[in-house]
Amino acid sequence: MTGSTDYPKIERAIHMPSVSDMALFVFFSGVLLLAAWIAGTGRVAYVFAMLIVAAAFGYAVLDLLGMEIRRQTRD
C-alpha cells in the first residue's frame, strides 16, 4: 500500500493551463502594459488606452462565461 491511510488519495479537479492559455495571458498582459504606457503619453492616448483595457475586461468576462458554460455541460 502506498501513501498513508490518514490522508487518502483525493482526486482534485485542478485545471492546468495549456500552452495556448499561457500565450493568451502573455499577449493580453502585453496589451495591458502597452495601454498603460500609452496612457502616460497624453489625453487622447489615455482614452485609447482605456478602450483597450475595457476590451481586455470584456474578453475576461466572456472567457469566464465560456468556462462556466463548459463546466455546466460537464456536470
Protein backbone atom coordinates (compact mmCIF):
# COMPACT_ATOMS: atom_id res chain seq x y z
CA MET A 1 0.00 0.00 0.00
CA THR A 2 1.37 3.39 -0.95
CA GLY A 3 0.61 6.52 0.99
CA SER A 4 -0.84 6.99 4.41
CA THR A 5 -4.27 5.86 5.49
CA ASP A 6 -4.60 9.16 7.34
CA TYR A 7 -4.52 11.00 4.03
CA PRO A 8 -6.41 9.00 1.40
CA LYS A 9 -5.89 9.82 -2.24
CA ILE A 10 -8.06 12.76 -3.18
CA GLU A 11 -8.90 13.39 -6.79
CA ARG A 12 -8.66 17.07 -7.48
CA ALA A 13 -10.13 18.88 -10.43
CA ILE A 14 -7.43 21.48 -10.91
CA HIS A 15 -7.33 22.97 -14.39
CA MET A 16 -3.78 23.09 -15.67
CA PRO A 17 -3.42 25.86 -18.26
CA SER A 18 -2.41 24.82 -21.75
CA VAL A 19 0.28 26.49 -23.84
CA SER A 20 -2.38 28.43 -25.74
CA ASP A 21 -3.86 29.69 -22.44
CA MET A 22 -0.43 30.87 -21.34
CA ALA A 23 0.19 32.52 -24.73
CA LEU A 24 -3.12 34.40 -24.46
CA PHE A 25 -2.22 35.51 -20.95
CA VAL A 26 1.18 36.81 -22.09
CA PHE A 27 -0.39 38.56 -25.09
CA PHE A 28 -3.08 40.32 -23.09
CA SER A 29 -0.59 41.23 -20.36
CA GLY A 30 1.50 42.87 -23.05
CA VAL A 31 -1.54 44.73 -24.37
CA LEU A 32 -2.31 45.94 -20.86
CA LEU A 33 1.27 47.16 -20.37
CA LEU A 34 1.13 48.89 -23.77
CA ALA A 35 -2.12 50.57 -22.76
CA ALA A 36 -0.56 51.77 -19.51
CA TRP A 37 2.47 53.12 -21.39
CA ILE A 38 0.25 54.92 -23.92
CA ALA A 39 -1.88 56.32 -21.09
CA GLY A 40 1.14 58.16 -19.76
CA THR A 41 1.74 59.99 -23.05
CA GLY A 42 -1.33 62.20 -23.36
CA ARG A 43 -5.05 62.81 -23.08
CA VAL A 44 -6.15 61.26 -26.40
CA ALA A 45 -3.89 58.30 -25.82
CA TYR A 46 -5.45 57.87 -22.39
CA VAL A 47 -8.90 57.44 -23.93
CA PHE A 48 -7.48 54.93 -26.40
CA ALA A 49 -5.76 53.04 -23.59
CA MET A 50 -8.95 52.88 -21.55
CA LEU A 51 -10.77 51.42 -24.56
CA ILE A 52 -8.09 48.72 -24.77
CA VAL A 53 -8.44 48.00 -21.04
CA ALA A 54 -12.23 47.83 -21.38
CA ALA A 55 -11.85 45.37 -24.25
CA ALA A 56 -9.50 43.24 -22.12
CA PHE A 57 -12.03 43.19 -19.28
CA GLY A 58 -14.80 42.29 -21.75
CA TYR A 59 -12.71 39.40 -23.04
CA ALA A 60 -12.11 38.21 -19.47
CA VAL A 61 -15.85 38.21 -18.77
CA LEU A 62 -16.61 36.30 -21.97
CA ASP A 63 -13.87 33.79 -21.16
CA LEU A 64 -15.30 33.29 -17.68
CA LEU A 65 -18.80 32.79 -19.07
CA GLY A 66 -17.47 30.24 -21.56
CA MET A 67 -15.70 28.38 -18.77
CA GLU A 68 -18.89 28.30 -16.70
CA ILE A 69 -20.90 27.01 -19.66
CA ARG A 70 -18.35 24.22 -20.24
CA ARG A 71 -18.46 23.35 -16.54
CA GLN A 72 -22.28 23.21 -16.59
CA THR A 73 -22.32 20.86 -19.58
CA ARG A 74 -19.77 18.51 -17.96
CA ASP A 75 -21.82 18.12 -14.77
